[in-house]
Amino acid sequence: FSKCRLSIAIPERNLEEYNKLGNKW
């Protein structure tokens, strides 16, 4: 119970750049 995840989140405006670079962004 009390399930969740710990994640990295970025502004939506940077998503395209992140998709190109992966976590190297």
PDB file of all heavy atoms in Angstrom:
ATOM      1  N   PHE A   1       0.848  -1.194   0.000  1.00  0.00           N
ATOM      2  CA  PHE A   1       0.000   0.000   0.000  1.00  0.00           C
ATOM      3  C   PHE A   1       0.887   1.248   0.000  1.00  0.00           C
ATOM      4  O   PHE A   1       2.108   1.149   0.096  1.00  0.00           O
ATOM      5  CB  PHE A   1      -1.010   0.007   1.163  1.00  0.00           C
ATOM      6  CG  PHE A   1      -0.418   0.043   2.553  1.00  0.00           C
ATOM      7  CD1 PHE A   1       0.010   1.229   3.124  1.00  0.00           C
ATOM      8  CD2 PHE A   1      -0.335  -1.111   3.313  1.00  0.00           C
ATOM      9  CE1 PHE A   1       0.525   1.278   4.408  1.00  0.00           C
ATOM     10  CE2 PHE A   1       0.175  -1.090   4.600  1.00  0.00           C
ATOM     11  CZ  PHE A   1       0.606   0.112   5.150  1.00  0.00           C
ATOM     12  N   SER A   2       0.258   2.417  -0.141  1.00  0.00           N
ATOM     13  CA  SER A   2       0.987   3.688  -0.268  1.00  0.00           C
ATOM     14  C   SER A   2       2.032   3.622  -1.382  1.00  0.00           C
ATOM     15  O   SER A   2       3.176   4.032  -1.217  1.00  0.00           O
ATOM     16  CB  SER A   2       1.644   4.066   1.062  1.00  0.00           C
ATOM     17  OG  SER A   2       0.683   4.394   2.031  1.00  0.00           O
ATOM     18  N   LYS A   3       1.606   3.114  -2.530  1.00  0.00           N
ATOM     19  CA  LYS A   3       2.528   2.967  -3.645  1.00  0.00           C
ATOM     20  C   LYS A   3       2.727   4.302  -4.379  1.00  0.00           C
ATOM     21  O   LYS A   3       1.794   5.079  -4.536  1.00  0.00           O
ATOM     22  CB  LYS A   3       2.016   1.908  -4.623  1.00  0.00           C
ATOM     23  CG  LYS A   3       2.039   0.499  -4.040  1.00  0.00           C
ATOM     24  CD  LYS A   3       1.649  -0.537  -5.082  1.00  0.00           C
ATOM     25  CE  LYS A   3       1.773  -1.941  -4.515  1.00  0.00           C
ATOM     26  NZ  LYS A   3       1.465  -2.985  -5.514  1.00  0.00           N
ATOM     27  N   CYS A   4       3.951   4.535  -4.802  1.00  0.00           N
ATOM     28  CA  CYS A   4       4.280   5.732  -5.575  1.00  0.00           C
ATOM     29  C   CYS A   4       5.583   5.452  -6.304  1.00  0.00           C
ATOM     30  O   CYS A   4       6.108   4.332  -6.273  1.00  0.00           O
ATOM     31  CB  CYS A   4       4.406   6.953  -4.660  1.00  0.00           C
ATOM     32  SG  CYS A   4       5.758   6.825  -3.458  1.00  0.00           S
ATOM     33  N   ARG A   5       6.110   6.456  -6.966  1.00  0.00           N
ATOM     34  CA  ARG A   5       7.403   6.318  -7.618  1.00  0.00           C
ATOM     35  C   ARG A   5       8.166   7.631  -7.443  1.00  0.00           C
ATOM     36  O   ARG A   5       7.567   8.685  -7.215  1.00  0.00           O
ATOM     37  CB  ARG A   5       7.235   5.996  -9.102  1.00  0.00           C
ATOM     38  CG  ARG A   5       6.382   6.973  -9.887  1.00  0.00           C
ATOM     39  CD  ARG A   5       5.991   6.401 -11.249  1.00  0.00           C
ATOM     40  NE  ARG A   5       5.204   7.353 -12.029  1.00  0.00           N
ATOM     41  CZ  ARG A   5       3.879   7.474 -11.940  1.00  0.00           C
ATOM     42  NH1 ARG A   5       3.199   6.703 -11.112  1.00  0.00           N
ATOM     43  NH2 ARG A   5       3.226   8.351 -12.691  1.00  0.00           N
ATOM     44  N   LEU A   6       9.466   7.559  -7.489  1.00  0.00           N
ATOM     45  CA  LEU A   6      10.306   8.751  -7.449  1.00  0.00           C
ATOM     46  C   LEU A   6      10.840   8.985  -8.854  1.00  0.00           C
ATOM     47  O   LEU A   6      11.507   8.116  -9.425  1.00  0.00           O
ATOM     48  CB  LEU A   6      11.461   8.576  -6.457  1.00  0.00           C
ATOM     49  CG  LEU A   6      11.186   9.073  -5.031  1.00  0.00           C
ATOM     50  CD1 LEU A   6      10.161   8.180  -4.368  1.00  0.00           C
ATOM     51  CD2 LEU A   6      12.463   9.129  -4.218  1.00  0.00           C
ATOM     52  N   SER A   7      10.510  10.144  -9.386  1.00  0.00           N
ATOM     53  CA  SER A   7      10.800  10.421 -10.795  1.00  0.00           C
ATOM     54  C   SER A   7      11.420  11.792 -10.997  1.00  0.00           C
ATOM     55  O   SER A   7      11.227  12.714 -10.194  1.00  0.00           O
ATOM     56  CB  SER A   7       9.514  10.337 -11.617  1.00  0.00           C
ATOM     57  OG  SER A   7       8.965   9.044 -11.582  1.00  0.00           O
ATOM     58  N   ILE A   8      12.141  11.896 -12.087  1.00  0.00           N
ATOM     59  CA  ILE A   8      12.619  13.196 -12.555  1.00  0.00           C
ATOM     60  C   ILE A   8      11.589  13.748 -13.528  1.00  0.00           C
ATOM     61  O   ILE A   8      11.092  13.031 -14.405  1.00  0.00           O
ATOM     62  CB  ILE A   8      13.988  13.060 -13.238  1.00  0.00           C
ATOM     63  CG1 ILE A   8      15.049  12.647 -12.209  1.00  0.00           C
ATOM     64  CG2 ILE A   8      14.388  14.370 -13.927  1.00  0.00           C
ATOM     65  CD1 ILE A   8      16.400  12.317 -12.800  1.00  0.00           C
ATOM     66  N   ALA A   9      11.243  15.003 -13.341  1.00  0.00           N
ATOM     67  CA  ALA A   9      10.293  15.670 -14.240  1.00  0.00           C
ATOM     68  C   ALA A   9      10.890  16.989 -14.693  1.00  0.00           C
ATOM     69  O   ALA A   9      11.600  17.659 -13.938  1.00  0.00           O
ATOM     70  CB  ALA A   9       8.961  15.905 -13.531  1.00  0.00           C
ATOM     71  N   ILE A  10      10.590  17.347 -15.933  1.00  0.00           N
ATOM     72  CA  ILE A  10      11.135  18.572 -16.516  1.00  0.00           C
ATOM     73  C   ILE A  10       9.992  19.414 -17.082  1.00  0.00           C
ATOM     74  O   ILE A  10       8.887  18.906 -17.307  1.00  0.00           O
ATOM     75  CB  ILE A  10      12.152  18.261 -17.637  1.00  0.00           C
ATOM     76  CG1 ILE A  10      11.434  17.611 -18.827  1.00  0.00           C
ATOM     77  CG2 ILE A  10      13.259  17.352 -17.119  1.00  0.00           C
ATOM     78  CD1 ILE A  10      12.315  17.447 -20.066  1.00  0.00           C
ATOM     79  N   PRO A  11      10.224  20.707 -17.308  1.00  0.00           N
ATOM     80  CA  PRO A  11       9.187  21.540 -17.944  1.00  0.00           C
ATOM     81  C   PRO A  11       8.826  20.992 -19.325  1.00  0.00           C
ATOM     82  O   PRO A  11       9.695  20.515 -20.060  1.00  0.00           O
ATOM     83  CB  PRO A  11       9.848  22.915 -18.047  1.00  0.00           C
ATOM     84  CG  PRO A  11      10.865  22.922 -16.951  1.00  0.00           C
ATOM     85  CD  PRO A  11      11.389  21.510 -16.884  1.00  0.00           C
ATOM     86  N   GLU A  12       7.564  21.044 -19.660  1.00  0.00           N
ATOM     87  CA  GLU A  12       7.100  20.523 -20.947  1.00  0.00           C
ATOM     88  C   GLU A  12       7.804  21.197 -22.122  1.00  0.00           C
ATOM     89  O   GLU A  12       8.023  20.566 -23.161  1.00  0.00           O
ATOM     90  CB  GLU A  12       5.582  20.699 -21.055  1.00  0.00           C
ATOM     91  CG  GLU A  12       4.803  19.787 -20.117  1.00  0.00           C
ATOM     92  CD  GLU A  12       3.302  19.915 -20.299  1.00  0.00           C
ATOM     93  OE1 GLU A  12       2.870  20.841 -21.019  1.00  0.00           O
ATOM     94  OE2 GLU A  12       2.568  19.089 -19.726  1.00  0.00           O
ATOM     95  N   ARG A  13       8.195  22.435 -21.951  1.00  0.00           N
ATOM     96  CA  ARG A  13       8.854  23.157 -23.047  1.00  0.00           C
ATOM     97  C   ARG A  13      10.222  22.565 -23.405  1.00  0.00           C
ATOM     98  O   ARG A  13      10.751  22.800 -24.501  1.00  0.00           O
ATOM     99  CB  ARG A  13       9.027  24.642 -22.679  1.00  0.00           C
ATOM    100  CG  ARG A  13       9.933  24.887 -21.489  1.00  0.00           C
ATOM    101  CD  ARG A  13      10.103  26.371 -21.167  1.00  0.00           C
ATOM    102  NE  ARG A  13      10.972  26.588 -20.026  1.00  0.00           N
ATOM    103  CZ  ARG A  13      10.568  26.597 -18.764  1.00  0.00           C
ATOM    104  NH1 ARG A  13       9.278  26.408 -18.484  1.00  0.00           N
ATOM    105  NH2 ARG A  13      11.431  26.795 -17.776  1.00  0.00           N
ATOM    106  N   ASN A  14      10.809  21.798 -22.476  1.00  0.00           N
ATOM    107  CA  ASN A  14      12.124  21.191 -22.712  1.00  0.00           C
ATOM    108  C   ASN A  14      12.040  19.736 -23.165  1.00  0.00           C
ATOM    109  O   ASN A  14      13.066  19.078 -23.357  1.00  0.00           O
ATOM    110  CB  ASN A  14      12.970  21.253 -21.436  1.00  0.00           C
ATOM    111  CG  ASN A  14      13.232  22.666 -20.961  1.00  0.00           C
ATOM    112  OD1 ASN A  14      12.935  23.020 -19.833  1.00  0.00           O
ATOM    113  ND2 ASN A  14      13.784  23.487 -21.853  1.00  0.00           N
ATOM    114  N   LEU A  15      10.825  19.230 -23.353  1.00  0.00           N
ATOM    115  CA  LEU A  15      10.640  17.807 -23.613  1.00  0.00           C
ATOM    116  C   LEU A  15      11.271  17.373 -24.936  1.00  0.00           C
ATOM    117  O   LEU A  15      11.909  16.316 -25.006  1.00  0.00           O
ATOM    118  CB  LEU A  15       9.148  17.460 -23.608  1.00  0.00           C
ATOM    119  CG  LEU A  15       8.808  15.977 -23.713  1.00  0.00           C
ATOM    120  CD1 LEU A  15       9.445  15.187 -22.570  1.00  0.00           C
ATOM    121  CD2 LEU A  15       7.305  15.769 -23.723  1.00  0.00           C
ATOM    122  N   GLU A  16      11.122  18.169 -25.963  1.00  0.00           N
ATOM    123  CA  GLU A  16      11.675  17.806 -27.272  1.00  0.00           C
ATOM    124  C   GLU A  16      13.191  17.681 -27.199  1.00  0.00           C
ATOM    125  O   GLU A  16      13.784  16.722 -27.727  1.00  0.00           O
ATOM    126  CB  GLU A  16      11.283  18.846 -28.319  1.00  0.00           C
ATOM    127  CG  GLU A  16      11.736  18.474 -29.726  1.00  0.00           C
ATOM    128  CD  GLU A  16      11.267  19.471 -30.780  1.00  0.00           C
ATOM    129  OE1 GLU A  16      10.411  20.338 -30.452  1.00  0.00           O
ATOM    130  OE2 GLU A  16      11.759  19.390 -31.924  1.00  0.00           O
ATOM    131  N   GLU A  17      13.824  18.616 -26.514  1.00  0.00           N
ATOM    132  CA  GLU A  17      15.284  18.573 -26.366  1.00  0.00           C
ATOM    133  C   GLU A  17      15.704  17.352 -25.539  1.00  0.00           C
ATOM    134  O   GLU A  17      16.688  16.688 -25.855  1.00  0.00           O
ATOM    135  CB  GLU A  17      15.777  19.857 -25.695  1.00  0.00           C
ATOM    136  CG  GLU A  17      17.292  19.949 -25.611  1.00  0.00           C
ATOM    137  CD  GLU A  17      17.749  21.229 -24.920  1.00  0.00           C
ATOM    138  OE1 GLU A  17      16.885  22.020 -24.494  1.00  0.00           O
ATOM    139  OE2 GLU A  17      18.975  21.407 -24.806  1.00  0.00           O
ATOM    140  N   TYR A  18      14.932  17.036 -24.478  1.00  0.00           N
ATOM    141  CA  TYR A  18      15.249  15.879 -23.643  1.00  0.00           C
ATOM    142  C   TYR A  18      15.142  14.586 -24.451  1.00  0.00           C
ATOM    143  O   TYR A  18      15.970  13.684 -24.313  1.00  0.00           O
ATOM    144  CB  TYR A  18      14.312  15.824 -22.431  1.00  0.00           C
ATOM    145  CG  TYR A  18      14.726  14.777 -21.411  1.00  0.00           C
ATOM    146  CD1 TYR A  18      15.523  15.123 -20.321  1.00  0.00           C
ATOM    147  CD2 TYR A  18      14.344  13.442 -21.555  1.00  0.00           C
ATOM    148  CE1 TYR A  18      15.924  14.167 -19.405  1.00  0.00           C
ATOM    149  CE2 TYR A  18      14.751  12.476 -20.644  1.00  0.00           C
ATOM    150  CZ  TYR A  18      15.539  12.846 -19.565  1.00  0.00           C
ATOM    151  OH  TYR A  18      15.941  11.886 -18.660  1.00  0.00           O
ATOM    152  N   ASN A  19      14.128  14.506 -25.291  1.00  0.00           N
ATOM    153  CA  ASN A  19      13.941  13.299 -26.105  1.00  0.00           C
ATOM    154  C   ASN A  19      15.125  13.057 -27.045  1.00  0.00           C
ATOM    155  O   ASN A  19      15.451  11.917 -27.378  1.00  0.00           O
ATOM    156  CB  ASN A  19      12.638  13.399 -26.902  1.00  0.00           C
ATOM    157  CG  ASN A  19      11.414  13.251 -26.016  1.00  0.00           C
ATOM    158  OD1 ASN A  19      11.493  12.688 -24.934  1.00  0.00           O
ATOM    159  ND2 ASN A  19      10.286  13.768 -26.478  1.00  0.00           N
ATOM    160  N   LYS A  20      15.776  14.130 -27.465  1.00  0.00           N
ATOM    161  CA  LYS A  20      16.934  14.000 -28.345  1.00  0.00           C
ATOM    162  C   LYS A  20      18.185  13.578 -27.578  1.00  0.00           C
ATOM    163  O   LYS A  20      18.974  12.761 -28.040  1.00  0.00           O
ATOM    164  CB  LYS A  20      17.200  15.332 -29.063  1.00  0.00           C
ATOM    165  CG  LYS A  20      16.143  15.716 -30.088  1.00  0.00           C
ATOM    166  CD  LYS A  20      16.468  17.067 -30.712  1.00  0.00           C
ATOM    167  CE  LYS A  20      15.404  17.472 -31.725  1.00  0.00           C
ATOM    168  NZ  LYS A  20      15.686  18.821 -32.300  1.00  0.00           N
ATOM    169  N   LEU A  21      18.351  14.152 -26.380  1.00  0.00           N
ATOM    170  CA  LEU A  21      19.581  13.937 -25.609  1.00  0.00           C
ATOM    171  C   LEU A  21      19.480  12.816 -24.584  1.00  0.00           C
ATOM    172  O   LEU A  21      20.500  12.320 -24.106  1.00  0.00           O
ATOM    173  CB  LEU A  21      19.973  15.238 -24.886  1.00  0.00           C
ATOM    174  CG  LEU A  21      20.275  16.448 -25.764  1.00  0.00           C
ATOM    175  CD1 LEU A  21      20.547  17.666 -24.894  1.00  0.00           C
ATOM    176  CD2 LEU A  21      21.468  16.169 -26.672  1.00  0.00           C
ATOM    177  N   GLY A  22      18.255  12.411 -24.223  1.00  0.00           N
ATOM    178  CA  GLY A  22      18.090  11.450 -23.143  1.00  0.00           C
ATOM    179  C   GLY A  22      18.479  12.071 -21.820  1.00  0.00           C
ATOM    180  O   GLY A  22      18.461  13.300 -21.662  1.00  0.00           O
ATOM    181  N   ASN A  23      18.893  11.237 -20.857  1.00  0.00           N
ATOM    182  CA  ASN A  23      19.205  11.816 -19.543  1.00  0.00           C
ATOM    183  C   ASN A  23      20.479  12.664 -19.538  1.00  0.00           C
ATOM    184  O   ASN A  23      20.771  13.333 -18.543  1.00  0.00           O
ATOM    185  CB  ASN A  23      19.270  10.733 -18.463  1.00  0.00           C
ATOM    186  CG  ASN A  23      20.309   9.666 -18.729  1.00  0.00           C
ATOM    187  OD1 ASN A  23      21.292   9.893 -19.427  1.00  0.00           O
ATOM    188  ND2 ASN A  23      20.094   8.481 -18.158  1.00  0.00           N
ATOM    189  N   LYS A  24      21.212  12.676 -20.633  1.00  0.00           N
ATOM    190  CA  LYS A  24      22.373  13.567 -20.732  1.00  0.00           C
ATOM    191  C   LYS A  24      21.946  15.038 -20.668  1.00  0.00           C
ATOM    192  O   LYS A  24      22.759  15.913 -20.384  1.00  0.00           O
ATOM    193  CB  LYS A  24      23.145  13.309 -22.033  1.00  0.00           C
ATOM    194  CG  LYS A  24      23.674  11.877 -22.183  1.00  0.00           C
ATOM    195  CD  LYS A  24      24.633  11.501 -21.074  1.00  0.00           C
ATOM    196  CE  LYS A  24      25.157  10.094 -21.265  1.00  0.00           C
ATOM    197  NZ  LYS A  24      25.990   9.634 -20.108  1.00  0.00           N
ATOM    198  N   TRP A  25      20.661  15.277 -20.928  1.00  0.00           N
ATOM    199  CA  TRP A  25      20.124  16.646 -20.824  1.00  0.00           C
ATOM    200  C   TRP A  25      20.323  17.201 -19.420  1.00  0.00           C
ATOM    201  O   TRP A  25      20.434  18.423 -19.226  1.00  0.00           O
ATOM    202  CB  TRP A  25      18.637  16.626 -21.175  1.00  0.00           C
ATOM    203  CG  TRP A  25      17.967  17.968 -21.134  1.00  0.00           C
ATOM    204  CD1 TRP A  25      17.862  18.872 -22.163  1.00  0.00           C
ATOM    205  CD2 TRP A  25      17.280  18.569 -20.021  1.00  0.00           C
ATOM    206  NE1 TRP A  25      17.158  19.994 -21.756  1.00  0.00           N
ATOM    207  CE2 TRP A  25      16.790  19.826 -20.447  1.00  0.00           C
ATOM    208  CE3 TRP A  25      17.036  18.163 -18.714  1.00  0.00           C
ATOM    209  CZ2 TRP A  25      16.078  20.684 -19.598  1.00  0.00           C
ATOM    210  CZ3 TRP A  25      16.334  19.001 -17.865  1.00  0.00           C
ATOM    211  CH2 TRP A  25      15.861  20.258 -18.309  1.00  0.00           C
TER     212      TRP A  25
END
